[in-house]
Amino acid sequence: NIRVGFHSGPVVASVVGELNPRYCLFGDTVNTASRMESNSVKNQINMSPQTTKCLQEQAPGIHVESRGIITIKGKGNMECFFLVQSEENMQLLQNSLTKSKRKDVLKNRSSASF
């Protein structure tokens, strides 16, 4: 049983520490993603409006369910969304990932040819 939360936005990334170096992400986006997780329920994927918009652009037809307005600590009121668990959604996500990988491969090939 897990809770999952997603938020999309800019982050700063860096390796922190000399003795035990770790790759870390910093910024409001990371904090908001943490709030999405803590306000989720078990075995559900809770998303911010920004992530929902990005997901729907990348996988048109994806089904989400509005949770309504939720009070998020440090953020105020936000409309949150659950990703609907269905076979159709899984297929849309897999197709979207496959298309993204194809675009990356094509982009890398074209840039390598210059």
Protein backbone atom coordinates (compact mmCIF):
# COMPACT_ATOMS: atom_id res chain seq x y z
CA ASN A 1 0.00 0.00 0.00
CA ILE A 2 1.57 3.25 -1.15
CA ARG A 3 0.50 6.84 -1.73
CA VAL A 4 1.78 8.65 -4.80
CA GLY A 5 1.85 12.38 -5.54
CA PHE A 6 3.01 14.23 -8.66
CA HIS A 7 3.64 17.88 -9.42
CA SER A 8 5.34 19.41 -12.46
CA GLY A 9 7.57 22.46 -12.57
CA PRO A 10 11.14 23.75 -12.41
CA VAL A 11 13.70 22.27 -10.02
CA VAL A 12 17.36 22.78 -9.20
CA ALA A 13 19.48 19.63 -9.12
CA SER A 14 22.89 19.14 -7.57
CA VAL A 15 25.20 16.58 -6.03
CA VAL A 16 25.42 17.29 -2.31
CA GLY A 17 28.11 16.02 0.06
CA GLU A 18 31.72 14.95 -0.27
CA LEU A 19 31.98 11.87 1.94
CA ASN A 20 28.60 10.45 0.91
CA PRO A 21 27.55 12.33 -2.26
CA ARG A 22 23.87 12.31 -3.17
CA TYR A 23 21.95 13.67 -6.13
CA CYS A 24 19.28 16.03 -4.79
CA LEU A 25 16.41 18.07 -6.19
CA PHE A 26 15.45 21.40 -4.65
CA GLY A 27 12.65 23.88 -5.10
CA ASP A 28 8.98 24.59 -4.65
CA THR A 29 8.11 21.87 -7.18
CA VAL A 30 9.67 19.22 -4.93
CA ASN A 31 7.81 20.56 -1.91
CA THR A 32 4.50 20.60 -3.79
CA ALA A 33 5.04 17.02 -5.02
CA SER A 34 5.59 16.00 -1.41
CA ARG A 35 2.33 17.70 -0.44
CA MET A 36 0.54 15.86 -3.27
CA GLU A 37 1.83 12.57 -1.83
CA SER A 38 0.89 13.38 1.76
CA ASN A 39 -2.63 14.40 0.67
CA SER A 40 -3.15 11.28 -1.45
CA VAL A 41 -4.85 8.10 -0.30
CA LYS A 42 -3.38 4.61 -0.38
CA ASN A 43 -2.99 3.03 -3.80
CA GLN A 44 -3.94 6.24 -5.62
CA ILE A 45 -1.97 8.72 -7.74
CA ASN A 46 -2.74 12.29 -6.68
CA MET A 47 -1.77 15.05 -9.12
CA SER A 48 -1.63 18.82 -9.19
CA PRO A 49 -3.41 20.80 -11.93
CA GLN A 50 -0.06 21.44 -13.66
CA THR A 51 0.78 17.73 -13.83
CA THR A 52 -2.73 16.87 -14.97
CA LYS A 53 -2.41 19.38 -17.83
CA CYS A 54 1.02 18.01 -18.85
CA LEU A 55 -0.23 14.42 -18.72
CA GLN A 56 -3.31 15.22 -20.80
CA GLU A 57 -1.13 16.96 -23.41
CA GLN A 58 1.23 13.98 -23.64
CA ALA A 59 -1.48 11.30 -23.49
CA PRO A 60 -4.71 12.76 -24.89
CA GLY A 61 -7.71 10.78 -23.73
CA ILE A 62 -6.22 9.93 -20.34
CA HIS A 63 -8.91 9.72 -17.67
CA VAL A 64 -8.52 11.71 -14.47
CA GLU A 65 -10.98 12.35 -11.69
CA SER A 66 -11.18 15.69 -9.91
CA ARG A 67 -10.95 15.46 -6.14
CA GLY A 68 -12.27 19.00 -5.86
CA ILE A 69 -10.56 21.75 -3.93
CA ILE A 70 -8.16 20.43 -1.27
CA THR A 71 -6.37 22.57 1.31
CA ILE A 72 -2.65 21.94 0.80
CA LYS A 73 -0.35 22.97 3.66
CA GLY A 74 1.83 25.88 2.59
CA LYS A 75 0.04 26.20 -0.77
CA GLY A 76 -3.56 27.05 0.11
CA ASN A 77 -6.50 25.63 -1.80
CA MET A 78 -5.72 23.58 -4.92
CA GLU A 79 -7.84 21.45 -7.17
CA CYS A 80 -6.30 17.96 -7.12
CA PHE A 81 -6.86 15.02 -9.42
CA PHE A 82 -6.62 11.23 -9.21
CA LEU A 83 -5.38 9.23 -12.17
CA VAL A 84 -8.18 6.77 -12.89
CA GLN A 85 -6.90 3.19 -12.70
CA SER A 86 -7.99 1.41 -15.88
CA GLU A 87 -6.61 -0.77 -18.67
CA GLU A 88 -7.40 2.00 -21.16
CA ASN A 89 -5.28 4.50 -19.20
CA MET A 90 -2.39 2.02 -18.97
CA GLN A 91 -2.48 1.57 -22.75
CA LEU A 92 -2.58 5.35 -23.35
CA LEU A 93 0.40 5.86 -21.03
CA GLN A 94 2.40 3.07 -22.66
CA ASN A 95 1.68 4.47 -26.13
CA SER A 96 2.66 7.96 -24.97
CA LEU A 97 5.96 6.69 -23.54
CA THR A 98 6.72 4.77 -26.72
CA LYS A 99 6.13 7.91 -28.81
CA SER A 100 8.33 9.98 -26.47
CA LYS A 101 11.15 7.45 -26.75
CA ARG A 102 10.85 7.45 -30.55
CA LYS A 103 11.07 11.27 -30.60
CA ASP A 104 14.14 11.17 -28.34
CA VAL A 105 15.84 8.59 -30.55
CA LEU A 106 15.08 10.59 -33.69
CA LYS A 107 16.22 13.81 -32.03
CA ASN A 108 19.47 12.19 -30.90
CA ARG A 109 20.10 10.76 -34.37
CA SER A 110 19.55 14.12 -36.07
CA SER A 111 21.74 16.00 -33.60
CA ALA A 112 24.47 13.35 -33.92
CA SER A 113 24.54 13.79 -37.69
CA PHE A 114 25.53 17.47 -37.51
